[in-house]
Amino acid sequence: MKSIKTFVAVSALTLASFASFAQSISVESSTLDGAEAKVAAVAQEHGAQYKITEANTNNRVHMTAELYK
């Protein structure tokens, strides 16, 4: 029984710490390269890597990305 409680506690802490590292950001620019440069700058500022999840081009570029460590 004690090992089950320990497993549950460790699992909960692992999920909580993982969730604190994931962050979604959105940027706007006039070009795709400009938007990605902004995402890269924010990721570098937070010491994280990024994955672009969405890019929309209607007169301006709107880009969404997930930051993770």
PDB file of N, CA and C in Angstrom:
ATOM      1  N   MET A   1       0.827  -1.195   0.000  1.00  0.00           N
ATOM      2  CA  MET A   1       0.000   0.000   0.000  1.00  0.00           C
ATOM      3  C   MET A   1       0.871   1.258   0.000  1.00  0.00           C
ATOM      4  N   LYS A   2       1.970   1.196   0.770  1.00  0.00           N
ATOM      5  CA  LYS A   2       2.853   2.357   0.844  1.00  0.00           C
ATOM      6  C   LYS A   2       3.479   2.640  -0.527  1.00  0.00           C
ATOM      7  N   SER A   3       3.828   1.584  -1.261  1.00  0.00           N
ATOM      8  CA  SER A   3       4.451   1.794  -2.569  1.00  0.00           C
ATOM      9  C   SER A   3       3.457   2.405  -3.561  1.00  0.00           C
ATOM     10  N   ILE A   4       2.186   2.072  -3.448  1.00  0.00           N
ATOM     11  CA  ILE A   4       1.168   2.662  -4.329  1.00  0.00           C
ATOM     12  C   ILE A   4       1.033   4.155  -4.037  1.00  0.00           C
ATOM     13  N   LYS A   5       1.011   4.522  -2.765  1.00  0.00           N
ATOM     14  CA  LYS A   5       0.919   5.937  -2.404  1.00  0.00           C
ATOM     15  C   LYS A   5       2.148   6.702  -2.904  1.00  0.00           C
ATOM     16  N   THR A   6       3.321   6.089  -2.782  1.00  0.00           N
ATOM     17  CA  THR A   6       4.549   6.724  -3.257  1.00  0.00           C
ATOM     18  C   THR A   6       4.495   6.911  -4.764  1.00  0.00           C
ATOM     19  N   PHE A   7       4.048   5.889  -5.487  1.00  0.00           N
ATOM     20  CA  PHE A   7       3.947   5.969  -6.935  1.00  0.00           C
ATOM     21  C   PHE A   7       2.986   7.084  -7.358  1.00  0.00           C
ATOM     22  N   VAL A   8       1.856   7.167  -6.700  1.00  0.00           N
ATOM     23  CA  VAL A   8       0.871   8.207  -7.026  1.00  0.00           C
ATOM     24  C   VAL A   8       1.453   9.588  -6.750  1.00  0.00           C
ATOM     25  N   ALA A   9       2.154   9.748  -5.643  1.00  0.00           N
ATOM     26  CA  ALA A   9       2.737  11.043  -5.297  1.00  0.00           C
ATOM     27  C   ALA A   9       3.806  11.449  -6.311  1.00  0.00           C
ATOM     28  N   VAL A  10       4.667  10.520  -6.672  1.00  0.00           N
ATOM     29  CA  VAL A  10       5.717  10.817  -7.652  1.00  0.00           C
ATOM     30  C   VAL A  10       5.104  11.140  -9.007  1.00  0.00           C
ATOM     31  N   SER A  11       4.088  10.408  -9.403  1.00  0.00           N
ATOM     32  CA  SER A  11       3.422  10.667 -10.682  1.00  0.00           C
ATOM     33  C   SER A  11       2.802  12.056 -10.705  1.00  0.00           C
ATOM     34  N   ALA A  12       2.148  12.438  -9.628  1.00  0.00           N
ATOM     35  CA  ALA A  12       1.509  13.753  -9.556  1.00  0.00           C
ATOM     36  C   ALA A  12       2.554  14.868  -9.618  1.00  0.00           C
ATOM     37  N   LEU A  13       3.662  14.706  -8.916  1.00  0.00           N
ATOM     38  CA  LEU A  13       4.714  15.720  -8.943  1.00  0.00           C
ATOM     39  C   LEU A  13       5.361  15.810 -10.317  1.00  0.00           C
ATOM     40  N   THR A  14       5.532  14.696 -10.980  1.00  0.00           N
ATOM     41  CA  THR A  14       6.110  14.694 -12.324  1.00  0.00           C
ATOM     42  C   THR A  14       5.203  15.428 -13.298  1.00  0.00           C
ATOM     43  N   LEU A  15       3.922  15.156 -13.247  1.00  0.00           N
ATOM     44  CA  LEU A  15       2.979  15.846 -14.131  1.00  0.00           C
ATOM     45  C   LEU A  15       2.923  17.332 -13.833  1.00  0.00           C
ATOM     46  N   ALA A  16       2.961  17.684 -12.579  1.00  0.00           N
ATOM     47  CA  ALA A  16       2.906  19.101 -12.202  1.00  0.00           C
ATOM     48  C   ALA A  16       4.156  19.825 -12.676  1.00  0.00           C
ATOM     49  N   SER A  17       5.329  19.211 -12.549  1.00  0.00           N
ATOM     50  CA  SER A  17       6.552  19.877 -12.980  1.00  0.00           C
ATOM     51  C   SER A  17       6.616  19.962 -14.496  1.00  0.00           C
ATOM     52  N   PHE A  18       6.115  18.948 -15.204  1.00  0.00           N
ATOM     53  CA  PHE A  18       6.099  19.005 -16.667  1.00  0.00           C
ATOM     54  C   PHE A  18       5.184  20.122 -17.144  1.00  0.00           C
ATOM     55  N   ALA A  19       4.055  20.267 -16.521  1.00  0.00           N
ATOM     56  CA  ALA A  19       3.098  21.301 -16.920  1.00  0.00           C
ATOM     57  C   ALA A  19       3.678  22.696 -16.709  1.00  0.00           C
ATOM     58  N   SER A  20       4.537  22.860 -15.718  1.00  0.00           N
ATOM     59  CA  SER A  20       5.106  24.178 -15.471  1.00  0.00           C
ATOM     60  C   SER A  20       6.136  24.565 -16.524  1.00  0.00           C
ATOM     61  N   PHE A  21       6.679  23.611 -17.277  1.00  0.00           N
ATOM     62  CA  PHE A  21       7.653  23.922 -18.316  1.00  0.00           C
ATOM     63  C   PHE A  21       6.994  24.241 -19.657  1.00  0.00           C
ATOM     64  N   ALA A  22       5.810  23.730 -19.909  1.00  0.00           N
ATOM     65  CA  ALA A  22       5.145  23.964 -21.194  1.00  0.00           C
ATOM     66  C   ALA A  22       4.446  25.322 -21.168  1.00  0.00           C
ATOM     67  N   GLN A  23       4.653  26.083 -22.243  1.00  0.00           N
ATOM     68  CA  GLN A  23       4.040  27.398 -22.319  1.00  0.00           C
ATOM     69  C   GLN A  23       3.705  27.700 -23.772  1.00  0.00           C
ATOM     70  N   SER A  24       2.548  28.225 -24.009  1.00  0.00           N
ATOM     71  CA  SER A  24       2.125  28.600 -25.349  1.00  0.00           C
ATOM     72  C   SER A  24       2.309  30.098 -25.535  1.00  0.00           C
ATOM     73  N   ILE A  25       2.866  30.482 -26.683  1.00  0.00           N
ATOM     74  CA  ILE A  25       3.049  31.905 -26.980  1.00  0.00           C
ATOM     75  C   ILE A  25       2.497  32.207 -28.367  1.00  0.00           C
ATOM     76  N   SER A  26       2.154  33.460 -28.602  1.00  0.00           N
ATOM     77  CA  SER A  26       1.694  33.936 -29.903  1.00  0.00           C
ATOM     78  C   SER A  26       2.452  35.202 -30.251  1.00  0.00           C
ATOM     79  N   VAL A  27       2.834  35.321 -31.512  1.00  0.00           N
ATOM     80  CA  VAL A  27       3.527  36.519 -31.988  1.00  0.00           C
ATOM     81  C   VAL A  27       2.929  36.946 -33.324  1.00  0.00           C
ATOM     82  N   GLU A  28       3.185  38.193 -33.710  1.00  0.00           N
ATOM     83  CA  GLU A  28       2.758  38.709 -35.012  1.00  0.00           C
ATOM     84  C   GLU A  28       3.931  39.411 -35.668  1.00  0.00           C
ATOM     85  N   SER A  29       3.970  39.323 -36.990  1.00  0.00           N
ATOM     86  CA  SER A  29       5.005  39.981 -37.767  1.00  0.00           C
ATOM     87  C   SER A  29       4.501  40.144 -39.195  1.00  0.00           C
ATOM     88  N   SER A  30       5.287  40.803 -40.026  1.00  0.00           N
ATOM     89  CA  SER A  30       4.889  40.982 -41.423  1.00  0.00           C
ATOM     90  C   SER A  30       5.342  39.819 -42.304  1.00  0.00           C
ATOM     91  N   THR A  31       6.300  38.996 -41.816  1.00  0.00           N
ATOM     92  CA  THR A  31       6.790  37.847 -42.589  1.00  0.00           C
ATOM     93  C   THR A  31       6.878  36.608 -41.711  1.00  0.00           C
ATOM     94  N   LEU A  32       6.913  35.443 -42.352  1.00  0.00           N
ATOM     95  CA  LEU A  32       7.089  34.196 -41.606  1.00  0.00           C
ATOM     96  C   LEU A  32       8.436  34.163 -40.891  1.00  0.00           C
ATOM     97  N   ASP A  33       9.491  34.607 -41.573  1.00  0.00           N
ATOM     98  CA  ASP A  33      10.816  34.637 -40.954  1.00  0.00           C
ATOM     99  C   ASP A  33      10.850  35.558 -39.740  1.00  0.00           C
ATOM    100  N   GLY A  34      10.183  36.693 -39.855  1.00  0.00           N
ATOM    101  CA  GLY A  34      10.128  37.633 -38.738  1.00  0.00           C
ATOM    102  C   GLY A  34       9.392  37.052 -37.538  1.00  0.00           C
ATOM    103  N   ALA A  35       8.286  36.360 -37.800  1.00  0.00           N
ATOM    104  CA  ALA A  35       7.520  35.746 -36.716  1.00  0.00           C
ATOM    105  C   ALA A  35       8.330  34.648 -36.044  1.00  0.00           C
ATOM    106  N   GLU A  36       9.006  33.825 -36.855  1.00  0.00           N
ATOM    107  CA  GLU A  36       9.818  32.755 -36.254  1.00  0.00           C
ATOM    108  C   GLU A  36      10.983  33.331 -35.462  1.00  0.00           C
ATOM    109  N   ALA A  37      11.558  34.423 -35.916  1.00  0.00           N
ATOM    110  CA  ALA A  37      12.638  35.071 -35.178  1.00  0.00           C
ATOM    111  C   ALA A  37      12.146  35.560 -33.813  1.00  0.00           C
ATOM    112  N   LYS A  38      10.930  36.082 -33.775  1.00  0.00           N
ATOM    113  CA  LYS A  38      10.359  36.520 -32.498  1.00  0.00           C
ATOM    114  C   LYS A  38      10.134  35.331 -31.564  1.00  0.00           C
ATOM    115  N   VAL A  39       9.624  34.232 -32.109  1.00  0.00           N
ATOM    116  CA  VAL A  39       9.418  33.026 -31.296  1.00  0.00           C
ATOM    117  C   VAL A  39      10.760  32.539 -30.755  1.00  0.00           C
ATOM    118  N   ALA A  40      11.778  32.498 -31.612  1.00  0.00           N
ATOM    119  CA  ALA A  40      13.106  32.044 -31.193  1.00  0.00           C
ATOM    120  C   ALA A  40      13.683  32.939 -30.099  1.00  0.00           C
ATOM    121  N   ALA A  41      13.456  34.243 -30.205  1.00  0.00           N
ATOM    122  CA  ALA A  41      13.954  35.171 -29.190  1.00  0.00           C
ATOM    123  C   ALA A  41      13.288  34.929 -27.840  1.00  0.00           C
ATOM    124  N   VAL A  42      11.975  34.723 -27.852  1.00  0.00           N
ATOM    125  CA  VAL A  42      11.255  34.450 -26.598  1.00  0.00           C
ATOM    126  C   VAL A  42      11.726  33.125 -26.000  1.00  0.00           C
ATOM    127  N   ALA A  43      11.911  32.126 -26.853  1.00  0.00           N
ATOM    128  CA  ALA A  43      12.381  30.829 -26.366  1.00  0.00           C
ATOM    129  C   ALA A  43      13.767  30.952 -25.746  1.00  0.00           C
ATOM    130  N   GLN A  44      14.657  31.693 -26.400  1.00  0.00           N
ATOM    131  CA  GLN A  44      16.005  31.880 -25.862  1.00  0.00           C
ATOM    132  C   GLN A  44      15.961  32.635 -24.533  1.00  0.00           C
ATOM    133  N   GLU A  45      15.094  33.619 -24.442  1.00  0.00           N
ATOM    134  CA  GLU A  45      14.938  34.396 -23.207  1.00  0.00           C
ATOM    135  C   GLU A  45      14.527  33.501 -22.034  1.00  0.00           C
ATOM    136  N   HIS A  46      13.691  32.489 -22.314  1.00  0.00           N
ATOM    137  CA  HIS A  46      13.223  31.577 -21.276  1.00  0.00           C
ATOM    138  C   HIS A  46      14.104  30.333 -21.150  1.00  0.00           C
ATOM    139  N   GLY A  47      15.155  30.247 -21.950  1.00  0.00           N
ATOM    140  CA  GLY A  47      16.032  29.081 -21.904  1.00  0.00           C
ATOM    141  C   GLY A  47      15.309  27.816 -22.334  1.00  0.00           C
ATOM    142  N   ALA A  48      14.460  27.924 -23.344  1.00  0.00           N
ATOM    143  CA  ALA A  48      13.623  26.797 -23.766  1.00  0.00           C
ATOM    144  C   ALA A  48      13.773  26.559 -25.260  1.00  0.00           C
ATOM    145  N   GLN A  49      13.243  25.432 -25.692  1.00  0.00           N
ATOM    146  CA  GLN A  49      13.134  25.129 -27.113  1.00  0.00           C
ATOM    147  C   GLN A  49      11.702  25.425 -27.522  1.00  0.00           C
ATOM    148  N   TYR A  50      11.439  25.420 -28.826  1.00  0.00           N
ATOM    149  CA  TYR A  50      10.081  25.718 -29.264  1.00  0.00           C
ATOM    150  C   TYR A  50       9.660  24.805 -30.402  1.00  0.00           C
ATOM    151  N   LYS A  51       8.343  24.684 -30.542  1.00  0.00           N
ATOM    152  CA  LYS A  51       7.729  23.947 -31.637  1.00  0.00           C
ATOM    153  C   LYS A  51       6.579  24.814 -32.139  1.00  0.00           C
ATOM    154  N   ILE A  52       6.633  25.187 -33.413  1.00  0.00           N
ATOM    155  CA  ILE A  52       5.582  26.006 -34.000  1.00  0.00           C
ATOM    156  C   ILE A  52       4.353  25.129 -34.199  1.00  0.00           C
ATOM    157  N   THR A  53       3.224  25.581 -33.674  1.00  0.00           N
ATOM    158  CA  THR A  53       2.000  24.788 -33.752  1.00  0.00           C
ATOM    159  C   THR A  53       0.991  25.356 -34.742  1.00  0.00           C
ATOM    160  N   GLU A  54       1.156  26.644 -35.131  1.00  0.00           N
ATOM    161  CA  GLU A  54       0.188  27.259 -36.045  1.00  0.00           C
ATOM    162  C   GLU A  54       0.802  28.511 -36.648  1.00  0.00           C
ATOM    163  N   ALA A  55       0.530  28.726 -37.917  1.00  0.00           N
ATOM    164  CA  ALA A  55       0.919  29.975 -38.576  1.00  0.00           C
ATOM    165  C   ALA A  55      -0.192  30.362 -39.550  1.00  0.00           C
ATOM    166  N   ASN A  56      -0.610  31.626 -39.495  1.00  0.00           N
ATOM    167  CA  ASN A  56      -1.691  32.122 -40.329  1.00  0.00           C
ATOM    168  C   ASN A  56      -1.209  33.383 -41.037  1.00  0.00           C
ATOM    169  N   THR A  57      -1.439  33.446 -42.349  1.00  0.00           N
ATOM    170  CA  THR A  57      -0.988  34.623 -43.102  1.00  0.00           C
ATOM    171  C   THR A  57      -2.170  35.306 -43.770  1.00  0.00           C
ATOM    172  N   ASN A  58      -2.683  36.325 -43.130  1.00  0.00           N
ATOM    173  CA  ASN A  58      -3.714  37.213 -43.677  1.00  0.00           C
ATOM    174  C   ASN A  58      -3.192  38.635 -43.511  1.00  0.00           C
ATOM    175  N   ASN A  59      -2.553  39.177 -44.528  1.00  0.00           N
ATOM    176  CA  ASN A  59      -1.925  40.502 -44.484  1.00  0.00           C
ATOM    177  C   ASN A  59      -0.767  40.567 -43.493  1.00  0.00           C
ATOM    178  N   ARG A  60      -0.884  39.927 -42.351  1.00  0.00           N
ATOM    179  CA  ARG A  60       0.192  39.816 -41.360  1.00  0.00           C
ATOM    180  C   ARG A  60       0.287  38.358 -40.953  1.00  0.00           C
ATOM    181  N   VAL A  61       1.409  37.990 -40.378  1.00  0.00           N
ATOM    182  CA  VAL A  61       1.619  36.610 -39.938  1.00  0.00           C
ATOM    183  C   VAL A  61       1.321  36.517 -38.450  1.00  0.00           C
ATOM    184  N   HIS A  62       0.459  35.600 -38.093  1.00  0.00           N
ATOM    185  CA  HIS A  62       0.173  35.280 -36.696  1.00  0.00           C
ATOM    186  C   HIS A  62       0.698  33.867 -36.473  1.00  0.00           C
ATOM    187  N   MET A  63       1.597  33.691 -35.494  1.00  0.00           N
ATOM    188  CA  MET A  63       2.222  32.395 -35.250  1.00  0.00           C
ATOM    189  C   MET A  63       2.058  32.021 -33.780  1.00  0.00           C
ATOM    190  N   THR A  64       1.731  30.762 -33.533  1.00  0.00           N
ATOM    191  CA  THR A  64       1.621  30.224 -32.182  1.00  0.00           C
ATOM    192  C   THR A  64       2.645  29.117 -32.034  1.00  0.00           C
ATOM    193  N   ALA A  65       3.275  29.057 -30.869  1.00  0.00           N
ATOM    194  CA  ALA A  65       4.289  28.039 -30.619  1.00  0.00           C
ATOM    195  C   ALA A  65       4.214  27.579 -29.170  1.00  0.00           C
ATOM    196  N   GLU A  66       4.707  26.369 -28.936  1.00  0.00           N
ATOM    197  CA  GLU A  66       4.828  25.817 -27.587  1.00  0.00           C
ATOM    198  C   GLU A  66       6.284  25.876 -27.174  1.00  0.00           C
ATOM    199  N   LEU A  67       6.557  26.438 -26.003  1.00  0.00           N
ATOM    200  CA  LEU A  67       7.900  26.432 -25.440  1.00  0.00           C
ATOM    201  C   LEU A  67       8.018  25.255 -24.492  1.00  0.00           C
ATOM    202  N   TYR A  68       9.147  24.586 -24.525  1.00  0.00           N
ATOM    203  CA  TYR A  68       9.380  23.469 -23.607  1.00  0.00           C
ATOM    204  C   TYR A  68      10.864  23.379 -23.286  1.00  0.00           C
ATOM    205  N   LYS A  69      11.163  22.761 -22.155  1.00  0.00           N
ATOM    206  CA  LYS A  69      12.555  22.590 -21.736  1.00  0.00           C
ATOM    207  C   LYS A  69      12.965  21.157 -21.873  1.00  0.00           C
TER     208      LYS A  69
END
